Amino acid sequence: METMLAFARWWRLALFALVVPHAVSVGTQAGAAAADYPSRPLRLILPFPPGGGTDVLGRVVAQALSDALGQGVVAENRPGAGGNIGNEAAAKAPADGYTLLLGSPGLAISPSLYAKLNYDPARDLMPVALVADIPNVFAVHRNVPATSVKELVQLARMHPGKLAFGTGGPGTSNELGAHLFINTTRLRILIVPHKGVNQATIALLGGHVDMVIAGVATVGAHIRSEKLRGLALLGPERSRALPDVPTAAQAGYGWLNVRTWYVVMAPAGTPTVIIDRLNAVLSRISRSAEIRAQFERLGFEPMTSTPGQAARFLRAEAERWGKVVAAAGVRID
């Protein structure tokens, strides 16, 4: 018996001697890698096509990060599947801080919308910081005979099934906004998905669809040039970029609240010291007078947050959009 106890004690000591140095070594290596970070260029995945709000904002953020970190930051468009192709690419990237994602509401929408996802946003990605949001505009082609949301509702009732709503595709907040509008008003309007809201806007400009919900950065210039008509801002306040466009609440449709936010994400498991450094850099960027002016000129509202605040925000958004998805009765297999 004493021999067995002695052997057990020896085995625990031997195991401790093997495991502890290895753990210390791994921890030391991780700490050293974080201390040298970044030692090579980064990539910022933009999960939508060029020309849309994600692309416009992403290139500003990539350049600002590059300037602040002293390393190149490559903005890489990975569009498709409502942003999920790019989101998945980021989720499956090495958790070393060299691959980041500029995420948007699709991160909160997709888990309740898609029956199957090849990644789990809550498990496989971790927030770094909220960086901006942008009010969406309910816009119609200038030839649509409606100058307000109320007039558009009346027009759709008179011509059921004749009007077409262009969207950025399944899983995007603008498509869910279209479902919210159609289902709440009980209208018959055809939804026409595209590979991004920029493509939907191009279709609107060409008269192939009649309306879109899109960010100020995407449709603002076309509204100011009167190629499109803005019926309502889908947020709590008017936009300085479009001062003549009322809010949805002012138009009598306060429940139509569709704002697009942007959050920088990293693969889960990225060292906390790297997340904290990136958060501090992004917070400085968002507070910079130069960047704030650039954001606002493009129609974006700067945001800042801690990683924890961003995580709580994402959970709340997932719950909110989950209710919209359930009410709309949409599901993608």
Protein backbone atom coordinates (compact mmCIF):
# COMPACT_ATOMS: atom_id res chain seq x y z
CA MET A 1 0.00 0.00 0.00
CA GLU A 2 2.79 2.43 0.95
CA THR A 3 4.54 1.55 -2.31
CA MET A 4 1.37 2.40 -4.29
CA LEU A 5 0.93 5.75 -2.47
CA ALA A 6 4.56 6.61 -3.10
CA PHE A 7 4.13 5.80 -6.80
CA ALA A 8 1.00 7.97 -7.00
CA ARG A 9 2.86 10.88 -5.38
CA TRP A 10 5.75 10.41 -7.79
CA TRP A 11 3.37 10.33 -10.80
CA ARG A 12 1.65 13.60 -9.75
CA LEU A 13 5.02 15.30 -9.29
CA ALA A 14 6.27 14.02 -12.64
CA LEU A 15 3.10 15.16 -14.42
CA PHE A 16 3.35 18.58 -12.75
CA ALA A 17 6.96 18.85 -13.87
CA LEU A 18 5.93 18.12 -17.46
CA VAL A 19 2.77 20.24 -17.67
CA VAL A 20 3.75 23.40 -15.81
CA PRO A 21 6.86 24.26 -17.87
CA HIS A 22 4.85 23.62 -21.06
CA ALA A 23 2.02 25.92 -19.88
CA VAL A 24 4.52 28.59 -18.89
CA SER A 25 6.24 28.24 -22.26
CA VAL A 26 2.95 28.58 -24.16
CA GLY A 27 1.94 31.54 -22.04
CA THR A 28 5.34 33.15 -22.53
CA GLN A 29 5.16 32.63 -26.30
CA ALA A 30 1.66 34.12 -26.45
CA GLY A 31 2.78 37.07 -24.34
CA ALA A 32 5.81 37.64 -26.55
CA ALA A 33 3.68 37.49 -29.70
CA ALA A 34 1.25 40.00 -28.21
CA ALA A 35 4.11 42.29 -27.16
CA ASP A 36 5.43 42.35 -30.75
CA TYR A 37 1.95 42.87 -32.22
CA PRO A 38 1.57 43.84 -34.96
CA SER A 39 4.75 42.71 -36.67
CA ARG A 40 3.21 42.22 -40.13
CA PRO A 41 0.22 43.50 -42.16
CA LEU A 42 -3.36 42.82 -41.09
CA ARG A 43 -6.47 42.18 -43.16
CA LEU A 44 -9.90 43.61 -42.48
CA ILE A 45 -12.61 41.44 -44.05
CA LEU A 46 -15.55 43.39 -45.49
CA PRO A 47 -18.38 40.89 -46.01
CA PHE A 48 -20.20 42.89 -48.72
CA PRO A 49 -19.34 44.03 -52.26
CA PRO A 50 -17.48 47.24 -53.12
CA GLY A 51 -19.47 50.48 -53.12
CA GLY A 52 -21.85 49.87 -50.21
CA GLY A 53 -21.73 51.25 -46.68
CA THR A 54 -19.54 48.44 -45.32
CA ASP A 55 -17.01 48.97 -48.09
CA VAL A 56 -16.95 52.77 -47.74
CA LEU A 57 -16.56 52.67 -43.96
CA GLY A 58 -14.20 49.69 -44.02
CA ARG A 59 -11.65 51.45 -46.20
CA VAL A 60 -11.63 54.48 -43.90
CA VAL A 61 -11.19 52.24 -40.84
CA ALA A 62 -8.47 50.17 -42.55
CA GLN A 63 -6.43 53.27 -43.41
CA ALA A 64 -6.87 54.75 -39.93
CA LEU A 65 -5.81 51.46 -38.32
CA SER A 66 -2.81 51.26 -40.61
CA ASP A 67 -1.72 54.77 -39.65
CA ALA A 68 -2.20 54.07 -35.93
CA LEU A 69 -0.54 50.62 -35.85
CA GLY A 70 2.31 51.33 -38.24
CA GLN A 71 1.43 48.28 -40.35
CA GLY A 72 -0.56 47.88 -43.54
CA VAL A 73 -4.21 46.91 -43.15
CA VAL A 74 -5.68 45.37 -46.30
CA ALA A 75 -9.44 45.82 -46.79
CA GLU A 76 -10.65 42.55 -48.36
CA ASN A 77 -14.17 42.25 -49.81
CA ARG A 78 -15.65 38.77 -49.24
CA PRO A 79 -19.32 39.20 -50.25
CA GLY A 80 -22.15 36.67 -50.44
CA ALA A 81 -24.92 34.99 -48.46
CA GLY A 82 -25.99 38.16 -46.67
CA GLY A 83 -22.48 38.71 -45.33
CA ASN A 84 -22.05 35.15 -44.05
CA ILE A 85 -19.25 34.18 -46.42
CA GLY A 86 -17.04 36.95 -45.08
CA ASN A 87 -18.19 36.40 -41.50
CA GLU A 88 -17.34 32.70 -41.74
CA ALA A 89 -13.92 33.44 -43.25
CA ALA A 90 -13.12 35.65 -40.26
CA ALA A 91 -14.52 33.13 -37.77
CA LYS A 92 -12.25 30.39 -39.14
CA ALA A 93 -9.11 32.52 -39.39
CA PRO A 94 -6.21 32.10 -36.93
CA ALA A 95 -6.90 33.85 -33.61
CA ASP A 96 -3.72 35.92 -33.76
CA GLY A 97 -5.06 39.44 -34.30
CA TYR A 98 -4.03 39.61 -37.95
CA THR A 99 -7.52 38.96 -39.35
CA LEU A 100 -10.35 41.27 -38.36
CA LEU A 101 -13.94 41.61 -39.56
CA LEU A 102 -16.09 44.69 -40.01
CA GLY A 103 -19.41 43.17 -38.93
CA SER A 104 -22.91 44.59 -39.23
CA PRO A 105 -26.46 43.52 -38.25
CA GLY A 106 -26.16 40.27 -40.21
CA LEU A 107 -24.18 38.93 -37.25
CA ALA A 108 -27.28 39.38 -35.08
CA ILE A 109 -29.81 38.34 -37.74
CA SER A 110 -28.28 35.21 -39.29
CA PRO A 111 -28.55 32.82 -36.29
CA SER A 112 -32.34 33.12 -36.23
CA LEU A 113 -32.76 33.42 -40.02
CA TYR A 114 -30.62 30.55 -41.31
CA ALA A 115 -31.45 26.96 -40.44
CA LYS A 116 -27.76 26.11 -40.87
CA LEU A 117 -24.68 28.24 -40.47
CA ASN A 118 -21.12 26.99 -40.80
CA TYR A 119 -20.10 29.21 -37.89
CA ASP A 120 -21.64 30.58 -34.71
CA PRO A 121 -21.18 34.36 -34.34
CA ALA A 122 -21.45 34.21 -30.55
CA ARG A 123 -19.02 31.28 -30.22
CA ASP A 124 -16.55 31.81 -33.07
CA LEU A 125 -16.13 35.59 -33.07
CA MET A 126 -15.42 38.11 -30.33
CA PRO A 127 -16.13 41.85 -30.44
CA VAL A 128 -13.34 44.39 -30.38
CA ALA A 129 -15.32 47.64 -30.57
CA LEU A 130 -18.38 49.27 -32.06
CA VAL A 131 -17.11 51.91 -34.49
CA ALA A 132 -20.07 53.55 -36.24
CA ASP A 133 -23.70 53.38 -37.16
CA ILE A 134 -25.69 54.92 -39.95
CA PRO A 135 -29.35 55.80 -40.29
CA ASN A 136 -31.07 54.00 -43.11
CA VAL A 137 -33.27 55.84 -45.58
CA PHE A 138 -36.50 54.59 -47.10
CA ALA A 139 -35.92 55.72 -50.70
CA VAL A 140 -37.96 55.39 -53.89
CA HIS A 141 -37.24 56.06 -57.54
CA ARG A 142 -38.10 59.59 -58.56
CA ASN A 143 -40.78 58.27 -60.95
CA VAL A 144 -42.71 56.54 -58.14
CA PRO A 145 -45.73 58.79 -57.50
CA ALA A 146 -45.30 59.00 -53.73
CA THR A 147 -43.72 61.80 -51.71
CA SER A 148 -44.28 60.24 -48.27
CA VAL A 149 -44.49 56.81 -46.66
CA LYS A 150 -48.25 57.27 -46.30
CA GLU A 151 -48.61 57.95 -50.03
CA LEU A 152 -46.46 54.90 -50.83
CA VAL A 153 -48.70 52.71 -48.65
CA GLN A 154 -51.77 54.03 -50.46
CA LEU A 155 -50.11 53.41 -53.85
CA ALA A 156 -49.21 49.82 -52.90
CA ARG A 157 -52.79 49.17 -51.76
CA MET A 158 -54.10 50.43 -55.09
CA HIS A 159 -51.66 48.23 -57.04
CA PRO A 160 -51.08 45.03 -55.02
CA GLY A 161 -48.11 42.99 -56.19
CA LYS A 162 -47.00 45.62 -58.72
CA LEU A 163 -44.26 47.35 -56.72
CA ALA A 164 -40.81 45.85 -56.09
CA PHE A 165 -38.61 46.28 -53.02
CA GLY A 166 -34.88 45.90 -53.74
CA THR A 167 -32.77 44.51 -50.87
CA GLY A 168 -29.18 43.59 -50.14
CA GLY A 169 -30.13 39.92 -49.86
CA PRO A 170 -31.22 37.47 -47.15
CA GLY A 171 -29.74 38.12 -43.75
CA THR A 172 -29.28 41.85 -44.25
CA SER A 173 -31.02 44.40 -42.05
CA ASN A 174 -32.45 46.18 -45.08
CA GLU A 175 -34.20 43.01 -46.23
CA LEU A 176 -35.54 42.40 -42.71
CA GLY A 177 -36.64 46.05 -42.71
CA ALA A 178 -38.53 45.39 -45.95
CA HIS A 179 -40.26 42.39 -44.35
CA LEU A 180 -41.06 44.48 -41.27
CA PHE A 181 -42.64 47.19 -43.44
CA ILE A 182 -44.60 44.81 -45.69
CA ASN A 183 -45.89 42.57 -42.89
CA THR A 184 -46.85 45.39 -40.53
CA THR A 185 -48.73 47.31 -43.23
CA ARG A 186 -50.07 44.07 -44.77
CA LEU A 187 -49.10 45.11 -48.26
CA ARG A 188 -48.33 42.94 -51.28
CA ILE A 189 -44.92 44.11 -52.48
CA LEU A 190 -42.41 41.91 -54.29
CA ILE A 191 -39.03 41.53 -52.54
CA VAL A 192 -36.10 41.40 -54.99
CA PRO A 193 -32.83 40.38 -53.26
CA HIS A 194 -29.42 41.43 -54.60
CA LYS A 195 -25.81 40.62 -53.65
CA GLY A 196 -25.57 43.78 -51.59
CA VAL A 197 -27.47 46.99 -50.98
CA ASN A 198 -25.23 48.83 -53.46
CA GLN A 199 -26.45 46.49 -56.22
CA ALA A 200 -30.03 47.04 -55.05
CA THR A 201 -29.47 50.80 -55.26
CA ILE A 202 -28.10 50.46 -58.80
CA ALA A 203 -31.24 48.51 -59.70
CA LEU A 204 -33.35 51.27 -58.15
CA LEU A 205 -31.52 53.97 -60.12
CA GLY A 206 -32.18 51.97 -63.28
CA GLY A 207 -35.88 51.68 -62.50
CA HIS A 208 -35.75 47.88 -62.10
CA VAL A 209 -37.14 48.09 -58.55
CA ASP A 210 -39.22 50.82 -56.94
CA MET A 211 -37.77 51.21 -53.43
CA VAL A 212 -34.92 50.31 -51.10
CA ILE A 213 -33.90 50.72 -47.50
CA ALA A 214 -30.26 51.79 -47.59
CA GLY A 215 -27.76 53.81 -45.61
CA VAL A 216 -27.23 57.52 -46.08
CA ALA A 217 -23.73 56.76 -47.41
CA THR A 218 -25.25 54.65 -50.21
CA VAL A 219 -28.25 56.71 -51.33
CA GLY A 220 -27.65 60.20 -49.90
CA ALA A 221 -25.95 61.65 -52.99
CA HIS A 222 -28.68 60.25 -55.26
CA ILE A 223 -31.38 61.82 -53.09
CA ARG A 224 -29.61 65.19 -53.12
CA SER A 225 -29.33 64.99 -56.94
CA GLU A 226 -33.08 64.10 -57.05
CA LYS A 227 -32.52 60.82 -58.88
CA LEU A 228 -34.13 59.19 -55.84
CA ARG A 229 -36.60 60.48 -53.27
CA GLY A 230 -36.07 59.98 -49.56
CA LEU A 231 -39.35 59.26 -47.75
CA ALA A 232 -38.08 58.70 -44.19
CA LEU A 233 -34.99 58.25 -42.01
CA LEU A 234 -35.40 54.97 -40.14
CA GLY A 235 -33.86 56.13 -36.86
CA PRO A 236 -34.66 58.45 -33.96
CA GLU A 237 -33.14 61.60 -35.46
CA ARG A 238 -32.85 63.41 -38.76
CA SER A 239 -29.55 63.26 -40.62
CA ARG A 240 -27.39 66.32 -41.22
CA ALA A 241 -26.63 64.79 -44.62
CA LEU A 242 -30.36 64.80 -45.53
CA PRO A 243 -31.96 67.55 -43.42
CA ASP A 244 -35.20 67.65 -45.43
CA VAL A 245 -36.03 63.96 -44.96
CA PRO A 246 -38.30 63.33 -41.92
CA THR A 247 -37.83 60.49 -39.48
CA ALA A 248 -40.14 57.49 -39.68
CA ALA A 249 -41.77 58.67 -36.43
CA GLN A 250 -42.41 62.10 -37.93
CA ALA A 251 -43.89 60.35 -40.97
CA GLY A 252 -46.24 58.36 -38.71
CA TYR A 253 -44.35 55.05 -38.82
CA GLY A 254 -42.24 55.11 -35.67
CA TRP A 255 -42.07 51.31 -35.48
CA LEU A 256 -39.98 51.26 -38.68
CA ASN A 257 -36.62 51.50 -36.93
CA VAL A 258 -33.80 50.07 -39.04
CA ARG A 259 -30.32 51.33 -38.22
CA THR A 260 -27.11 49.74 -39.47
CA TRP A 261 -24.26 49.52 -36.99
CA TYR A 262 -20.71 48.41 -37.55
CA VAL A 263 -18.47 46.48 -35.17
CA VAL A 264 -14.90 45.27 -35.53
CA MET A 265 -14.67 41.57 -34.62
CA ALA A 266 -11.81 39.10 -34.22
CA PRO A 267 -11.72 35.28 -34.21
CA ALA A 268 -12.58 33.83 -30.81
CA GLY A 269 -9.50 33.07 -28.77
CA THR A 270 -7.56 36.13 -29.90
CA PRO A 271 -5.37 37.14 -26.91
CA THR A 272 -7.04 39.64 -24.60
CA VAL A 273 -4.01 41.92 -24.70
CA ILE A 274 -4.40 42.24 -28.49
CA ILE A 275 -8.16 42.82 -28.23
CA ASP A 276 -7.56 45.54 -25.63
CA ARG A 277 -4.89 47.22 -27.74
CA LEU A 278 -7.11 47.22 -30.84
CA ASN A 279 -10.01 48.55 -28.78
CA ALA A 280 -7.89 51.43 -27.47
CA VAL A 281 -6.72 52.27 -31.01
CA LEU A 282 -10.24 52.12 -32.47
CA SER A 283 -11.56 54.29 -29.63
CA ARG A 284 -8.92 56.92 -30.40
CA ILE A 285 -9.78 56.72 -34.09
CA SER A 286 -13.52 57.20 -33.46
CA ARG A 287 -12.81 60.19 -31.18
CA SER A 288 -10.40 61.83 -33.61
CA ALA A 289 -11.77 65.12 -34.94
CA GLU A 290 -10.46 64.31 -38.41
CA ILE A 291 -12.06 60.86 -38.53
CA ARG A 292 -15.32 62.10 -36.99
CA ALA A 293 -15.55 64.76 -39.70
CA GLN A 294 -14.82 62.13 -42.36
CA PHE A 295 -17.43 59.76 -40.92
CA GLU A 296 -20.08 62.45 -40.72
CA ARG A 297 -19.33 63.67 -44.25
CA LEU A 298 -20.03 60.12 -45.45
CA GLY A 299 -23.20 59.86 -43.36
CA PHE A 300 -21.84 57.70 -40.51
CA GLU A 301 -22.18 58.43 -36.80
CA PRO A 302 -19.00 57.50 -34.85
CA MET A 303 -19.39 55.05 -31.96
CA THR A 304 -17.08 53.79 -29.23
CA SER A 305 -17.40 50.90 -26.78
CA THR A 306 -15.46 48.47 -24.67
CA PRO A 307 -15.40 44.84 -25.87
CA GLY A 308 -17.87 44.00 -23.07
CA GLN A 309 -20.27 46.76 -24.05
CA ALA A 310 -20.11 45.61 -27.68
CA ALA A 311 -20.88 42.03 -26.62
CA ARG A 312 -23.96 43.13 -24.65
CA PHE A 313 -25.10 45.26 -27.59
CA LEU A 314 -24.79 42.29 -29.96
CA ARG A 315 -26.84 40.07 -27.65
CA ALA A 316 -29.61 42.68 -27.44
CA GLU A 317 -29.63 43.11 -31.23
CA ALA A 318 -29.80 39.34 -31.76
CA GLU A 319 -32.86 39.21 -29.52
CA ARG A 320 -34.52 42.18 -31.27
CA TRP A 321 -33.96 40.88 -34.79
CA GLY A 322 -34.92 37.36 -33.75
CA LYS A 323 -38.40 38.69 -32.96
CA VAL A 324 -38.60 40.41 -36.37
CA VAL A 325 -37.54 37.20 -38.14
CA ALA A 326 -40.15 35.18 -36.23
CA ALA A 327 -42.90 37.72 -36.96
CA ALA A 328 -41.96 37.79 -40.65
CA GLY A 329 -42.07 33.98 -40.81
CA VAL A 330 -38.93 33.82 -42.93
CA ARG A 331 -36.37 31.03 -42.73
CA ILE A 332 -33.51 30.07 -45.01
CA ASP A 333 -32.58 26.38 -45.21
